[in-house]
Amino acid sequence: MPSPDTGDDPARSRAAVRRTYEDIGDHFSKTREYAWPEVESFVAEAPPCGTALDLGCGNGRHAELLTGIADRVVGLDASRALLTAAIDRVGDDVALVQGDAVELPLADDCVDLAVYVATLHHLPSRDARRASLDELARALAPGARALVSAWSTAHDRFDAAADAGTGFDTTVDWTLPGGETVPRFYHIYAPAEFERDVAASDLRLVSLELSSGNCYGVVEPEGKRT
């Protein structure tokens, strides 16, 4: 059942989320073969650039897509298991880094294009999610844009909560091949709440789309001009 935002619960800490993906990473990666169409569209419309970032890169499927338009691609994920899968997929074409989305090991203004897909909703507190958006803004160069996605109450699975106007915390089980289930933390965003969190960060929302049960926001760093 949905519960209030409980990011101070040790069982829902960022470390706990990372351990979840260490446990399921190998199997999870095998189910994530293709880039999402929304990401493909975003990248197809982007101009060639110097450095692109895949934040929460998982097995590297979207980082691989970015290599077609960027001179250098950085893929960052908290899970060593998923990064191992990414190495098998992208090899030396992508600089892979283990790191925390709330404290990016990146210099200011160093990223020309970014995708931050299906990761923000795993951060287990509103403070952490907003801090992560601020970190993305810090790393983006003037004029750079990013695509940010999060699971939304607009998804059919969450019809009962779709009119609430605010999101909620929940867990969604992942079933391993042997039948073991591993709970995964999610914060399910109401679209209006997604807009509010972006507005409260150092990012500016350029556009918002609801697609496949997710919020997709194109954002740029607020106050930075080319």
C-alpha atoms as a PDB file:
ATOM      1  CA  MET A   1       0.000   0.000   0.000  1.00  0.00           C
ATOM      2  CA  PRO A   2       1.179   3.581  -0.570  1.00  0.00           C
ATOM      3  CA  SER A   3       2.775   5.234   2.428  1.00  0.00           C
ATOM      4  CA  PRO A   4       3.970   8.739   3.314  1.00  0.00           C
ATOM      5  CA  ASP A   5       7.430   9.917   2.265  1.00  0.00           C
ATOM      6  CA  THR A   6       9.663   7.993   4.693  1.00  0.00           C
ATOM      7  CA  GLY A   7      13.182   8.786   3.549  1.00  0.00           C
ATOM      8  CA  ASP A   8      14.475   8.763   7.140  1.00  0.00           C
ATOM      9  CA  ASP A   9      13.623   5.046   7.480  1.00  0.00           C
ATOM     10  CA  PRO A  10      16.947   3.101   7.310  1.00  0.00           C
ATOM     11  CA  ALA A  11      15.203   0.374   5.296  1.00  0.00           C
ATOM     12  CA  ARG A  12      14.493   3.035   2.661  1.00  0.00           C
ATOM     13  CA  SER A  13      17.867   4.751   2.685  1.00  0.00           C
ATOM     14  CA  ARG A  14      19.915   5.387  -0.465  1.00  0.00           C
ATOM     15  CA  ALA A  15      22.255   2.622   0.701  1.00  0.00           C
ATOM     16  CA  ALA A  16      19.317   0.202   0.908  1.00  0.00           C
ATOM     17  CA  VAL A  17      18.225   1.122  -2.605  1.00  0.00           C
ATOM     18  CA  ARG A  18      21.763   0.526  -3.861  1.00  0.00           C
ATOM     19  CA  ARG A  19      21.876  -2.897  -2.174  1.00  0.00           C
ATOM     20  CA  THR A  20      18.597  -3.823  -3.869  1.00  0.00           C
ATOM     21  CA  TYR A  21      20.131  -3.299  -7.286  1.00  0.00           C
ATOM     22  CA  GLU A  22      23.291  -5.150  -6.315  1.00  0.00           C
ATOM     23  CA  ASP A  23      21.029  -8.113  -5.512  1.00  0.00           C
ATOM     24  CA  ILE A  24      18.921  -7.987  -8.679  1.00  0.00           C
ATOM     25  CA  GLY A  25      21.266  -6.172 -11.082  1.00  0.00           C
ATOM     26  CA  ASP A  26      22.308  -9.115 -13.247  1.00  0.00           C
ATOM     27  CA  HIS A  27      18.741 -10.325 -13.828  1.00  0.00           C
ATOM     28  CA  PHE A  28      17.337  -6.783 -14.088  1.00  0.00           C
ATOM     29  CA  SER A  29      19.867  -5.922 -16.793  1.00  0.00           C
ATOM     30  CA  LYS A  30      18.756  -8.855 -18.945  1.00  0.00           C
ATOM     31  CA  THR A  31      15.225  -7.419 -19.058  1.00  0.00           C
ATOM     32  CA  ARG A  32      16.369  -3.970 -20.176  1.00  0.00           C
ATOM     33  CA  GLU A  33      17.722  -4.568 -23.655  1.00  0.00           C
ATOM     34  CA  TYR A  34      16.363  -1.600 -25.603  1.00  0.00           C
ATOM     35  CA  ALA A  35      16.373   2.176 -25.219  1.00  0.00           C
ATOM     36  CA  TRP A  36      13.019   3.734 -24.346  1.00  0.00           C
ATOM     37  CA  PRO A  37      11.284   5.484 -27.289  1.00  0.00           C
ATOM     38  CA  GLU A  38      11.011   8.742 -25.333  1.00  0.00           C
ATOM     39  CA  VAL A  39      14.777   8.764 -24.836  1.00  0.00           C
ATOM     40  CA  GLU A  40      15.364   7.903 -28.482  1.00  0.00           C
ATOM     41  CA  SER A  41      13.215  10.881 -29.509  1.00  0.00           C
ATOM     42  CA  PHE A  42      15.007  13.248 -27.122  1.00  0.00           C
ATOM     43  CA  VAL A  43      18.436  12.176 -28.352  1.00  0.00           C
ATOM     44  CA  ALA A  44      17.373  12.271 -32.012  1.00  0.00           C
ATOM     45  CA  GLU A  45      16.332  15.922 -31.630  1.00  0.00           C
ATOM     46  CA  ALA A  46      19.514  16.943 -29.798  1.00  0.00           C
ATOM     47  CA  PRO A  47      22.456  18.517 -31.642  1.00  0.00           C
ATOM     48  CA  PRO A  48      25.900  16.894 -31.562  1.00  0.00           C
ATOM     49  CA  CYS A  49      27.706  17.756 -28.348  1.00  0.00           C
ATOM     50  CA  GLY A  50      30.927  17.402 -26.410  1.00  0.00           C
ATOM     51  CA  THR A  51      30.026  15.550 -23.206  1.00  0.00           C
ATOM     52  CA  ALA A  52      26.798  13.657 -22.529  1.00  0.00           C
ATOM     53  CA  LEU A  53      25.748  12.118 -19.217  1.00  0.00           C
ATOM     54  CA  ASP A  54      23.542   9.105 -18.543  1.00  0.00           C
ATOM     55  CA  LEU A  55      22.649   9.543 -14.864  1.00  0.00           C
ATOM     56  CA  GLY A  56      21.412   6.255 -13.439  1.00  0.00           C
ATOM     57  CA  CYS A  57      22.801   4.482 -16.490  1.00  0.00           C
ATOM     58  CA  GLY A  58      21.969   0.911 -15.458  1.00  0.00           C
ATOM     59  CA  ASN A  59      23.260  -1.501 -18.096  1.00  0.00           C
ATOM     60  CA  GLY A  60      24.235   1.317 -20.454  1.00  0.00           C
ATOM     61  CA  ARG A  61      21.400   1.047 -22.983  1.00  0.00           C
ATOM     62  CA  HIS A  62      20.848   4.822 -23.073  1.00  0.00           C
ATOM     63  CA  ALA A  63      24.543   5.653 -22.724  1.00  0.00           C
ATOM     64  CA  GLU A  64      25.077   3.559 -25.845  1.00  0.00           C
ATOM     65  CA  LEU A  65      22.508   5.725 -27.632  1.00  0.00           C
ATOM     66  CA  LEU A  66      24.308   8.902 -26.558  1.00  0.00           C
ATOM     67  CA  THR A  67      27.574   7.764 -28.156  1.00  0.00           C
ATOM     68  CA  GLY A  68      25.987   8.532 -31.523  1.00  0.00           C
ATOM     69  CA  ILE A  69      25.874  12.279 -30.867  1.00  0.00           C
ATOM     70  CA  ALA A  70      28.492  13.019 -28.184  1.00  0.00           C
ATOM     71  CA  ASP A  71      32.282  13.113 -28.315  1.00  0.00           C
ATOM     72  CA  ARG A  72      32.396  11.699 -24.781  1.00  0.00           C
ATOM     73  CA  VAL A  73      29.737   9.877 -22.757  1.00  0.00           C
ATOM     74  CA  VAL A  74      29.754   9.383 -18.988  1.00  0.00           C
ATOM     75  CA  GLY A  75      27.507   6.752 -17.423  1.00  0.00           C
ATOM     76  CA  LEU A  76      26.953   6.967 -13.673  1.00  0.00           C
ATOM     77  CA  ASP A  77      25.160   4.472 -11.457  1.00  0.00           C
ATOM     78  CA  ALA A  78      25.195   3.531  -7.773  1.00  0.00           C
ATOM     79  CA  SER A  79      25.127  -0.217  -8.504  1.00  0.00           C
ATOM     80  CA  ARG A  80      28.354  -2.052  -9.233  1.00  0.00           C
ATOM     81  CA  ALA A  81      26.328  -4.996 -10.595  1.00  0.00           C
ATOM     82  CA  LEU A  82      24.634  -2.792 -13.185  1.00  0.00           C
ATOM     83  CA  LEU A  83      27.910  -1.105 -14.113  1.00  0.00           C
ATOM     84  CA  THR A  84      29.424  -4.540 -14.722  1.00  0.00           C
ATOM     85  CA  ALA A  85      26.577  -5.222 -17.149  1.00  0.00           C
ATOM     86  CA  ALA A  86      27.222  -1.827 -18.771  1.00  0.00           C
ATOM     87  CA  ILE A  87      30.896  -2.695 -19.302  1.00  0.00           C
ATOM     88  CA  ASP A  88      29.813  -5.799 -21.212  1.00  0.00           C
ATOM     89  CA  ARG A  89      27.531  -3.666 -23.362  1.00  0.00           C
ATOM     90  CA  VAL A  90      29.458  -0.474 -24.098  1.00  0.00           C
ATOM     91  CA  GLY A  91      33.068  -1.408 -23.343  1.00  0.00           C
ATOM     92  CA  ASP A  92      35.423   1.539 -23.650  1.00  0.00           C
ATOM     93  CA  ASP A  93      32.930   3.698 -25.557  1.00  0.00           C
ATOM     94  CA  VAL A  94      31.514   5.095 -22.304  1.00  0.00           C
ATOM     95  CA  ALA A  95      33.323   6.308 -19.170  1.00  0.00           C
ATOM     96  CA  LEU A  96      31.493   4.396 -16.419  1.00  0.00           C
ATOM     97  CA  VAL A  97      31.506   5.749 -12.874  1.00  0.00           C
ATOM     98  CA  GLN A  98      30.041   4.404  -9.645  1.00  0.00           C
ATOM     99  CA  GLY A  99      28.479   7.312  -7.777  1.00  0.00           C
ATOM    100  CA  ASP A 100      25.533   8.832  -5.968  1.00  0.00           C
ATOM    101  CA  ALA A 101      22.963  10.889  -7.871  1.00  0.00           C
ATOM    102  CA  VAL A 102      22.717  13.213  -4.860  1.00  0.00           C
ATOM    103  CA  GLU A 103      26.455  13.988  -4.896  1.00  0.00           C
ATOM    104  CA  LEU A 104      27.701  13.841  -8.455  1.00  0.00           C
ATOM    105  CA  PRO A 105      31.482  13.398  -8.849  1.00  0.00           C
ATOM    106  CA  LEU A 106      31.427  15.873 -11.724  1.00  0.00           C
ATOM    107  CA  ALA A 107      32.730  19.393 -12.233  1.00  0.00           C
ATOM    108  CA  ASP A 108      30.434  22.383 -12.628  1.00  0.00           C
ATOM    109  CA  ASP A 109      29.130  23.119 -16.139  1.00  0.00           C
ATOM    110  CA  CYS A 110      30.769  20.040 -17.692  1.00  0.00           C
ATOM    111  CA  VAL A 111      27.761  18.301 -19.280  1.00  0.00           C
ATOM    112  CA  ASP A 112      26.247  19.375 -22.609  1.00  0.00           C
ATOM    113  CA  LEU A 113      23.370  16.873 -22.686  1.00  0.00           C
ATOM    114  CA  ALA A 114      21.954  14.439 -20.124  1.00  0.00           C
ATOM    115  CA  VAL A 115      19.365  11.742 -19.633  1.00  0.00           C
ATOM    116  CA  TYR A 116      18.198  10.972 -16.089  1.00  0.00           C
ATOM    117  CA  VAL A 117      15.698   8.186 -16.614  1.00  0.00           C
ATOM    118  CA  ALA A 118      13.908   5.878 -14.148  1.00  0.00           C
ATOM    119  CA  THR A 119      16.223   6.787 -11.276  1.00  0.00           C
ATOM    120  CA  LEU A 120      14.935   9.905  -9.524  1.00  0.00           C
ATOM    121  CA  HIS A 121      11.920   7.951  -8.231  1.00  0.00           C
ATOM    122  CA  HIS A 122      14.238   5.547  -6.352  1.00  0.00           C
ATOM    123  CA  LEU A 123      15.649   8.287  -4.112  1.00  0.00           C
ATOM    124  CA  PRO A 124      13.842   7.760  -0.799  1.00  0.00           C
ATOM    125  CA  SER A 125      13.234  11.307   0.411  1.00  0.00           C
ATOM    126  CA  ARG A 126      12.032  14.563  -1.096  1.00  0.00           C
ATOM    127  CA  ASP A 127      15.192  16.303   0.112  1.00  0.00           C
ATOM    128  CA  ALA A 128      17.337  13.741  -1.704  1.00  0.00           C
ATOM    129  CA  ARG A 129      15.324  14.049  -4.908  1.00  0.00           C
ATOM    130  CA  ARG A 130      15.521  17.840  -4.923  1.00  0.00           C
ATOM    131  CA  ALA A 131      19.229  17.758  -4.073  1.00  0.00           C
ATOM    132  CA  SER A 132      19.770  15.415  -7.010  1.00  0.00           C
ATOM    133  CA  LEU A 133      17.983  17.808  -9.353  1.00  0.00           C
ATOM    134  CA  ASP A 134      20.199  20.609  -8.047  1.00  0.00           C
ATOM    135  CA  GLU A 135      23.280  18.481  -8.709  1.00  0.00           C
ATOM    136  CA  LEU A 136      22.139  17.866 -12.269  1.00  0.00           C
ATOM    137  CA  ALA A 137      21.685  21.615 -12.716  1.00  0.00           C
ATOM    138  CA  ARG A 138      25.166  22.257 -11.337  1.00  0.00           C
ATOM    139  CA  ALA A 139      26.774  19.820 -13.780  1.00  0.00           C
ATOM    140  CA  LEU A 140      24.876  21.067 -16.842  1.00  0.00           C
ATOM    141  CA  ALA A 141      26.646  23.677 -18.938  1.00  0.00           C
ATOM    142  CA  PRO A 142      24.897  26.908 -19.935  1.00  0.00           C
ATOM    143  CA  GLY A 143      22.410  26.081 -22.681  1.00  0.00           C
ATOM    144  CA  ALA A 144      22.494  22.347 -21.956  1.00  0.00           C
ATOM    145  CA  ARG A 145      19.335  20.300 -21.598  1.00  0.00           C
ATOM    146  CA  ALA A 146      18.399  17.055 -19.897  1.00  0.00           C
ATOM    147  CA  LEU A 147      15.529  14.583 -20.010  1.00  0.00           C
ATOM    148  CA  VAL A 148      14.314  13.590 -16.536  1.00  0.00           C
ATOM    149  CA  SER A 149      11.754  10.841 -15.996  1.00  0.00           C
ATOM    150  CA  ALA A 150       9.911   9.386 -13.007  1.00  0.00           C
ATOM    151  CA  TRP A 151       7.093   6.897 -12.560  1.00  0.00           C
ATOM    152  CA  SER A 152       3.792   8.743 -12.291  1.00  0.00           C
ATOM    153  CA  THR A 153       0.373   8.410 -10.704  1.00  0.00           C
ATOM    154  CA  ALA A 154      -0.898   8.711 -14.282  1.00  0.00           C
ATOM    155  CA  HIS A 155       0.057   5.055 -14.755  1.00  0.00           C
ATOM    156  CA  ASP A 156      -2.956   2.716 -14.924  1.00  0.00           C
ATOM    157  CA  ARG A 157      -1.553   0.823 -11.956  1.00  0.00           C
ATOM    158  CA  PHE A 158      -2.126   3.861  -9.741  1.00  0.00           C
ATOM    159  CA  ASP A 159      -5.565   5.047 -10.862  1.00  0.00           C
ATOM    160  CA  ALA A 160      -6.789   5.193  -7.263  1.00  0.00           C
ATOM    161  CA  ALA A 161      -4.210   7.852  -6.462  1.00  0.00           C
ATOM    162  CA  ALA A 162      -4.211   9.719  -9.761  1.00  0.00           C
ATOM    163  CA  ASP A 163      -6.327  12.634  -8.547  1.00  0.00           C
ATOM    164  CA  ALA A 164      -4.513  13.210  -5.274  1.00  0.00           C
ATOM    165  CA  GLY A 165      -2.185  15.904  -6.639  1.00  0.00           C
ATOM    166  CA  THR A 166       0.701  14.606  -4.566  1.00  0.00           C
ATOM    167  CA  GLY A 167       2.763  11.472  -4.931  1.00  0.00           C
ATOM    168  CA  PHE A 168       3.361   8.623  -2.545  1.00  0.00           C
ATOM    169  CA  ASP A 169       5.970   6.070  -1.525  1.00  0.00           C
ATOM    170  CA  THR A 170       5.528   2.392  -2.244  1.00  0.00           C
ATOM    171  CA  THR A 171       7.484  -0.782  -2.947  1.00  0.00           C
ATOM    172  CA  VAL A 172       7.277  -2.883  -6.080  1.00  0.00           C
ATOM    173  CA  ASP A 173       8.608  -6.449  -5.940  1.00  0.00           C
ATOM    174  CA  TRP A 174      11.175  -7.768  -8.391  1.00  0.00           C
ATOM    175  CA  THR A 175      10.980 -11.540  -8.874  1.00  0.00           C
ATOM    176  CA  LEU A 176      14.266 -13.353  -9.435  1.00  0.00           C
ATOM    177  CA  PRO A 177      14.447 -16.523 -11.573  1.00  0.00           C
ATOM    178  CA  GLY A 178      14.310 -18.796  -8.507  1.00  0.00           C
ATOM    179  CA  GLY A 179      11.108 -17.164  -7.300  1.00  0.00           C
ATOM    180  CA  GLU A 180      12.624 -14.916  -4.609  1.00  0.00           C
ATOM    181  CA  THR A 181      11.028 -11.466  -4.496  1.00  0.00           C
ATOM    182  CA  VAL A 182      13.030  -8.338  -3.727  1.00  0.00           C
ATOM    183  CA  PRO A 183      11.106  -5.151  -2.822  1.00  0.00           C
ATOM    184  CA  ARG A 184      12.176  -2.009  -4.670  1.00  0.00           C
ATOM    185  CA  PHE A 185      11.465   1.449  -3.274  1.00  0.00           C
ATOM    186  CA  TYR A 186       9.624   3.950  -5.493  1.00  0.00           C
ATOM    187  CA  HIS A 187       8.308   7.438  -5.009  1.00  0.00           C
ATOM    188  CA  ILE A 188       5.373   7.683  -7.419  1.00  0.00           C
ATOM    189  CA  TYR A 189       5.108  11.257  -8.662  1.00  0.00           C
ATOM    190  CA  ALA A 190       1.885  13.121  -9.289  1.00  0.00           C
ATOM    191  CA  PRO A 191       2.542  15.251 -12.404  1.00  0.00           C
ATOM    192  CA  ALA A 192       1.864  18.496 -10.498  1.00  0.00           C
ATOM    193  CA  GLU A 193       4.276  17.380  -7.786  1.00  0.00           C
ATOM    194  CA  PHE A 194       6.944  16.627 -10.403  1.00  0.00           C
ATOM    195  CA  GLU A 195       6.531  20.157 -11.721  1.00  0.00           C
ATOM    196  CA  ARG A 196       6.794  21.568  -8.193  1.00  0.00           C
ATOM    197  CA  ASP A 197       9.973  19.664  -7.405  1.00  0.00           C
ATOM    198  CA  VAL A 198      11.625  20.857 -10.608  1.00  0.00           C
ATOM    199  CA  ALA A 199      10.489  24.426  -9.885  1.00  0.00           C
ATOM    200  CA  ALA A 200      11.972  24.195  -6.379  1.00  0.00           C
ATOM    201  CA  SER A 201      15.332  23.111  -7.806  1.00  0.00           C
ATOM    202  CA  ASP A 202      17.970  24.927  -9.833  1.00  0.00           C
ATOM    203  CA  LEU A 203      16.389  23.589 -13.024  1.00  0.00           C
ATOM    204  CA  ARG A 204      13.769  25.122 -15.293  1.00  0.00           C
ATOM    205  CA  LEU A 205      11.105  22.901 -16.823  1.00  0.00           C
ATOM    206  CA  VAL A 206      11.065  23.440 -20.590  1.00  0.00           C
ATOM    207  CA  SER A 207       8.357  20.880 -21.329  1.00  0.00           C
ATOM    208  CA  LEU A 208       6.479  18.065 -19.603  1.00  0.00           C
ATOM    209  CA  GLU A 209       4.987  14.968 -21.208  1.00  0.00           C
ATOM    210  CA  LEU A 210       3.106  12.040 -19.698  1.00  0.00           C
ATOM    211  CA  SER A 211       3.994   8.890 -21.590  1.00  0.00           C
ATOM    212  CA  SER A 212       3.906   5.170 -20.747  1.00  0.00           C
ATOM    213  CA  GLY A 213       2.894   6.001 -17.189  1.00  0.00           C
ATOM    214  CA  ASN A 214       5.876   8.283 -16.601  1.00  0.00           C
ATOM    215  CA  CYS A 215       6.533  11.994 -16.270  1.00  0.00           C
ATOM    216  CA  TYR A 216       9.129  13.089 -18.834  1.00  0.00           C
ATOM    217  CA  GLY A 217      10.495  16.556 -18.271  1.00  0.00           C
ATOM    218  CA  VAL A 218      12.926  18.369 -20.545  1.00  0.00           C
ATOM    219  CA  VAL A 219      14.877  20.685 -18.266  1.00  0.00           C
ATOM    220  CA  GLU A 220      17.695  23.199 -18.403  1.00  0.00           C
ATOM    221  CA  PRO A 221      19.742  24.873 -15.674  1.00  0.00           C
ATOM    222  CA  GLU A 222      17.996  27.974 -14.320  1.00  0.00           C
ATOM    223  CA  GLY A 223      19.947  31.188 -14.632  1.00  0.00           C
ATOM    224  CA  LYS A 224      22.703  29.872 -16.890  1.00  0.00           C
ATOM    225  CA  ARG A 225      22.891  31.480 -20.298  1.00  0.00           C
ATOM    226  CA  THR A 226      25.115  30.752 -23.275  1.00  0.00           C
END
